[in-house]
Amino acid sequence: MEDPIPSWDLEGFVDIRRKVCVPIEAGQLGSPSDVLRLIRMEAADCFKIKVVRGGGLLKCKKSAAIAEAANKSVVSGSGSDNDINFAAEVAFNASTLHMSRACESTGAWFVYPQESRLVKEPIKVKDGFAYPSDKPGLGVELIDDLEKLAGRFPVTS
């Protein structure tokens, strides 16, 4: 069960985990120290690691390594509010062998129309599977006219 209570209530996670037989997943992680703290508290059985919340690829890889060392399951979480984040999730998933459960990488590839894309060629998705690019970095290249696109999404306060 993912986040049965608000993620800030770590003591509550411990209490619930002691009382139920269902594996508990902590899904709103922000850093490797979050993963380590939850492991030490015995507050979760599985961790959902999100690239956009986890501090980027390097910190997410560290979080996954900490979970693996503690023999805890890891899944990646959705945070794909654009094509760049989705590419980062796919790179994380493809490069992390300890992903022991299904990955929830949904993203801009199906939410936004073509004219709202930030990259020239999005990560390929077919039959529910994302295929990492063989191009350098995240495997995507930004569109040429980001300023024009930014004008279509005004900043609100």
C-alpha atoms as a PDB file:
ATOM      1  CA  MET A   1       0.000   0.000   0.000  1.00  0.00           C
ATOM      2  CA  GLU A   2       1.484   3.304  -1.078  1.00  0.00           C
ATOM      3  CA  ASP A   3       1.453   6.155   1.420  1.00  0.00           C
ATOM      4  CA  PRO A   4      -1.440   5.052   3.639  1.00  0.00           C
ATOM      5  CA  ILE A   5      -0.994   8.308   5.571  1.00  0.00           C
ATOM      6  CA  PRO A   6       0.688  11.653   4.833  1.00  0.00           C
ATOM      7  CA  SER A   7       4.373  11.129   4.073  1.00  0.00           C
ATOM      8  CA  TRP A   8       5.541  13.514   6.817  1.00  0.00           C
ATOM      9  CA  ASP A   9       4.120  11.246   9.552  1.00  0.00           C
ATOM     10  CA  LEU A  10       7.040   8.819   9.831  1.00  0.00           C
ATOM     11  CA  GLU A  11       6.019   7.567  13.270  1.00  0.00           C
ATOM     12  CA  GLY A  12       2.595   6.834  11.802  1.00  0.00           C
ATOM     13  CA  PHE A  13       4.222   4.734   9.091  1.00  0.00           C
ATOM     14  CA  VAL A  14       6.000   2.725  11.788  1.00  0.00           C
ATOM     15  CA  ASP A  15       2.740   2.224  13.687  1.00  0.00           C
ATOM     16  CA  ILE A  16       0.793   1.109  10.621  1.00  0.00           C
ATOM     17  CA  ARG A  17       3.548  -1.229   9.442  1.00  0.00           C
ATOM     18  CA  ARG A  18       3.526  -2.978  12.825  1.00  0.00           C
ATOM     19  CA  LYS A  19      -0.258  -3.477  12.706  1.00  0.00           C
ATOM     20  CA  VAL A  20      -0.884  -4.748   9.159  1.00  0.00           C
ATOM     21  CA  CYS A  21       0.292  -7.646   7.021  1.00  0.00           C
ATOM     22  CA  VAL A  22       0.251  -5.622   3.792  1.00  0.00           C
ATOM     23  CA  PRO A  23       3.618  -4.279   2.606  1.00  0.00           C
ATOM     24  CA  ILE A  24       3.851  -0.515   3.097  1.00  0.00           C
ATOM     25  CA  GLU A  25       5.367   1.675   0.401  1.00  0.00           C
ATOM     26  CA  ALA A  26       6.761   5.116   1.124  1.00  0.00           C
ATOM     27  CA  GLY A  27       6.149   7.049  -2.043  1.00  0.00           C
ATOM     28  CA  GLN A  28       6.955  10.697  -1.523  1.00  0.00           C
ATOM     29  CA  LEU A  29      10.687  10.476  -1.066  1.00  0.00           C
ATOM     30  CA  GLY A  30      12.959  13.446  -1.401  1.00  0.00           C
ATOM     31  CA  SER A  31      16.502  12.205  -0.817  1.00  0.00           C
ATOM     32  CA  PRO A  32      18.769   9.283   0.079  1.00  0.00           C
ATOM     33  CA  SER A  33      18.590  10.427   3.701  1.00  0.00           C
ATOM     34  CA  ASP A  34      14.792   9.974   3.584  1.00  0.00           C
ATOM     35  CA  VAL A  35      15.244   6.372   2.453  1.00  0.00           C
ATOM     36  CA  LEU A  36      17.878   5.711   5.110  1.00  0.00           C
ATOM     37  CA  ARG A  37      15.758   7.242   7.865  1.00  0.00           C
ATOM     38  CA  LEU A  38      12.705   5.161   6.924  1.00  0.00           C
ATOM     39  CA  ILE A  39      14.819   1.999   6.802  1.00  0.00           C
ATOM     40  CA  ARG A  40      16.303   2.699  10.227  1.00  0.00           C
ATOM     41  CA  MET A  41      12.827   3.346  11.635  1.00  0.00           C
ATOM     42  CA  GLU A  42      11.509   0.155   9.984  1.00  0.00           C
ATOM     43  CA  ALA A  43       8.720   2.289   8.574  1.00  0.00           C
ATOM     44  CA  ALA A  44       8.374   0.845   5.056  1.00  0.00           C
ATOM     45  CA  ASP A  45       8.794  -2.313   3.015  1.00  0.00           C
ATOM     46  CA  CYS A  46       9.155  -0.646  -0.357  1.00  0.00           C
ATOM     47  CA  PHE A  47      10.216   2.753  -1.658  1.00  0.00           C
ATOM     48  CA  LYS A  48       8.907   4.751  -4.598  1.00  0.00           C
ATOM     49  CA  ILE A  49      11.727   6.962  -5.783  1.00  0.00           C
ATOM     50  CA  LYS A  50      10.904   9.930  -7.972  1.00  0.00           C
ATOM     51  CA  VAL A  51      13.584  11.685 -10.008  1.00  0.00           C
ATOM     52  CA  VAL A  52      11.923  15.094  -9.663  1.00  0.00           C
ATOM     53  CA  ARG A  53      11.570  14.757  -5.879  1.00  0.00           C
ATOM     54  CA  GLY A  54      14.650  12.678  -5.225  1.00  0.00           C
ATOM     55  CA  GLY A  55      17.169  15.345  -6.136  1.00  0.00           C
ATOM     56  CA  GLY A  56      18.013  14.204  -9.651  1.00  0.00           C
ATOM     57  CA  LEU A  57      19.529  11.068 -11.105  1.00  0.00           C
ATOM     58  CA  LEU A  58      22.605  10.771  -8.887  1.00  0.00           C
ATOM     59  CA  LYS A  59      20.681  11.085  -5.626  1.00  0.00           C
ATOM     60  CA  CYS A  60      18.027   8.673  -6.893  1.00  0.00           C
ATOM     61  CA  LYS A  61      20.730   6.147  -7.726  1.00  0.00           C
ATOM     62  CA  LYS A  62      22.066   6.569  -4.175  1.00  0.00           C
ATOM     63  CA  SER A  63      18.568   6.055  -2.759  1.00  0.00           C
ATOM     64  CA  ALA A  64      18.146   2.876  -4.786  1.00  0.00           C
ATOM     65  CA  ALA A  65      21.553   1.600  -3.608  1.00  0.00           C
ATOM     66  CA  ILE A  66      20.629   2.244   0.028  1.00  0.00           C
ATOM     67  CA  ALA A  67      17.338   0.378  -0.424  1.00  0.00           C
ATOM     68  CA  GLU A  68      19.115  -2.500  -2.169  1.00  0.00           C
ATOM     69  CA  ALA A  69      21.671  -2.757   0.652  1.00  0.00           C
ATOM     70  CA  ALA A  70      18.775  -3.035   3.110  1.00  0.00           C
ATOM     71  CA  ASN A  71      17.048  -5.624   0.896  1.00  0.00           C
ATOM     72  CA  LYS A  72      14.061  -3.329   0.336  1.00  0.00           C
ATOM     73  CA  SER A  73      12.040  -3.160  -2.865  1.00  0.00           C
ATOM     74  CA  VAL A  74      12.228  -0.110  -5.101  1.00  0.00           C
ATOM     75  CA  VAL A  75       9.899   1.254  -7.750  1.00  0.00           C
ATOM     76  CA  SER A  76      10.164   4.481  -9.645  1.00  0.00           C
ATOM     77  CA  GLY A  77       7.403   6.975  -9.388  1.00  0.00           C
ATOM     78  CA  SER A  78       5.721   9.197 -11.824  1.00  0.00           C
ATOM     79  CA  GLY A  79       6.697  12.796 -11.824  1.00  0.00           C
ATOM     80  CA  SER A  80       6.636  13.375 -15.521  1.00  0.00           C
ATOM     81  CA  ASP A  81       5.105  16.739 -15.980  1.00  0.00           C
ATOM     82  CA  ASN A  82       7.119  17.118 -19.179  1.00  0.00           C
ATOM     83  CA  ASP A  83       9.182  15.166 -21.696  1.00  0.00           C
ATOM     84  CA  ILE A  84      12.469  15.964 -19.957  1.00  0.00           C
ATOM     85  CA  ASN A  85      11.331  14.526 -16.626  1.00  0.00           C
ATOM     86  CA  PHE A  86       9.976  11.468 -18.414  1.00  0.00           C
ATOM     87  CA  ALA A  87      13.341  10.945 -20.132  1.00  0.00           C
ATOM     88  CA  ALA A  88      15.051  11.169 -16.730  1.00  0.00           C
ATOM     89  CA  GLU A  89      12.661   8.566 -15.260  1.00  0.00           C
ATOM     90  CA  VAL A  90      13.293   6.207 -18.156  1.00  0.00           C
ATOM     91  CA  ALA A  91      17.066   6.650 -17.765  1.00  0.00           C
ATOM     92  CA  PHE A  92      16.780   5.946 -14.023  1.00  0.00           C
ATOM     93  CA  ASN A  93      14.614   2.867 -14.552  1.00  0.00           C
ATOM     94  CA  ALA A  94      16.819   1.445 -17.292  1.00  0.00           C
ATOM     95  CA  SER A  95      20.018   1.938 -15.309  1.00  0.00           C
ATOM     96  CA  THR A  96      18.813   0.603 -11.958  1.00  0.00           C
ATOM     97  CA  LEU A  97      18.884  -3.161 -11.663  1.00  0.00           C
ATOM     98  CA  HIS A  98      17.221  -3.163  -8.256  1.00  0.00           C
ATOM     99  CA  MET A  99      13.832  -2.143  -9.655  1.00  0.00           C
ATOM    100  CA  SER A 100      11.979  -5.156  -8.323  1.00  0.00           C
ATOM    101  CA  ARG A 101       8.409  -4.153  -9.052  1.00  0.00           C
ATOM    102  CA  ALA A 102       6.524  -2.409 -11.818  1.00  0.00           C
ATOM    103  CA  CYS A 103       7.552   1.147 -12.546  1.00  0.00           C
ATOM    104  CA  GLU A 104       4.954   3.871 -12.703  1.00  0.00           C
ATOM    105  CA  SER A 105       6.445   6.134 -15.297  1.00  0.00           C
ATOM    106  CA  THR A 106       3.523   7.830 -16.899  1.00  0.00           C
ATOM    107  CA  GLY A 107       4.181  11.072 -18.522  1.00  0.00           C
ATOM    108  CA  ALA A 108       3.986  13.806 -21.016  1.00  0.00           C
ATOM    109  CA  TRP A 109       4.221  11.347 -23.890  1.00  0.00           C
ATOM    110  CA  PHE A 110       0.497  10.770 -23.638  1.00  0.00           C
ATOM    111  CA  VAL A 111      -0.794  13.798 -21.734  1.00  0.00           C
ATOM    112  CA  TYR A 112       0.339  16.755 -23.812  1.00  0.00           C
ATOM    113  CA  PRO A 113      -0.345  17.481 -27.471  1.00  0.00           C
ATOM    114  CA  GLN A 114       2.578  17.503 -29.882  1.00  0.00           C
ATOM    115  CA  GLU A 115       2.719  21.310 -29.942  1.00  0.00           C
ATOM    116  CA  SER A 116       3.408  21.361 -26.172  1.00  0.00           C
ATOM    117  CA  ARG A 117       6.416  19.087 -26.270  1.00  0.00           C
ATOM    118  CA  LEU A 118       9.792  20.311 -25.019  1.00  0.00           C
ATOM    119  CA  VAL A 119      11.900  17.855 -26.995  1.00  0.00           C
ATOM    120  CA  LYS A 120      12.343  17.208 -30.689  1.00  0.00           C
ATOM    121  CA  GLU A 121      11.877  13.442 -30.463  1.00  0.00           C
ATOM    122  CA  PRO A 122      10.211  12.089 -27.315  1.00  0.00           C
ATOM    123  CA  ILE A 123      11.264   8.824 -25.713  1.00  0.00           C
ATOM    124  CA  LYS A 124       9.624   5.982 -27.616  1.00  0.00           C
ATOM    125  CA  VAL A 125       6.691   4.305 -25.864  1.00  0.00           C
ATOM    126  CA  LYS A 126       5.042   1.234 -27.321  1.00  0.00           C
ATOM    127  CA  ASP A 127       2.614  -1.259 -25.784  1.00  0.00           C
ATOM    128  CA  GLY A 128       3.134   0.199 -22.312  1.00  0.00           C
ATOM    129  CA  PHE A 129       6.929   0.079 -22.434  1.00  0.00           C
ATOM    130  CA  ALA A 130       9.312   3.015 -22.686  1.00  0.00           C
ATOM    131  CA  TYR A 131      12.475   2.481 -24.670  1.00  0.00           C
ATOM    132  CA  PRO A 132      15.588   4.428 -23.662  1.00  0.00           C
ATOM    133  CA  SER A 133      17.319   6.333 -26.403  1.00  0.00           C
ATOM    134  CA  ASP A 134      20.868   5.528 -27.437  1.00  0.00           C
ATOM    135  CA  LYS A 135      21.625   9.262 -27.693  1.00  0.00           C
ATOM    136  CA  PRO A 136      23.879  10.939 -25.102  1.00  0.00           C
ATOM    137  CA  GLY A 137      22.582  12.154 -21.751  1.00  0.00           C
ATOM    138  CA  LEU A 138      18.879  11.618 -21.243  1.00  0.00           C
ATOM    139  CA  GLY A 139      18.522  10.797 -24.913  1.00  0.00           C
ATOM    140  CA  VAL A 140      16.432  13.824 -25.834  1.00  0.00           C
ATOM    141  CA  GLU A 141      17.178  17.137 -27.518  1.00  0.00           C
ATOM    142  CA  LEU A 142      15.320  20.339 -26.633  1.00  0.00           C
ATOM    143  CA  ILE A 143      13.150  22.003 -29.242  1.00  0.00           C
ATOM    144  CA  ASP A 144      14.626  25.064 -30.944  1.00  0.00           C
ATOM    145  CA  ASP A 145      12.039  27.612 -29.816  1.00  0.00           C
ATOM    146  CA  LEU A 146      11.548  27.223 -26.055  1.00  0.00           C
ATOM    147  CA  GLU A 147      10.629  30.915 -25.665  1.00  0.00           C
ATOM    148  CA  LYS A 148       7.647  30.536 -27.995  1.00  0.00           C
ATOM    149  CA  LEU A 149       6.470  27.511 -26.048  1.00  0.00           C
ATOM    150  CA  ALA A 150       6.960  29.262 -22.691  1.00  0.00           C
ATOM    151  CA  GLY A 151       4.637  32.045 -23.845  1.00  0.00           C
ATOM    152  CA  ARG A 152       1.810  29.529 -24.120  1.00  0.00           C
ATOM    153  CA  PHE A 153       2.113  28.663 -20.431  1.00  0.00           C
ATOM    154  CA  PRO A 154       1.898  31.964 -18.523  1.00  0.00           C
ATOM    155  CA  VAL A 155       3.224  32.072 -14.970  1.00  0.00           C
ATOM    156  CA  THR A 156       0.491  32.577 -12.396  1.00  0.00           C
ATOM    157  CA  SER A 157       0.986  33.750  -8.865  1.00  0.00           C
END
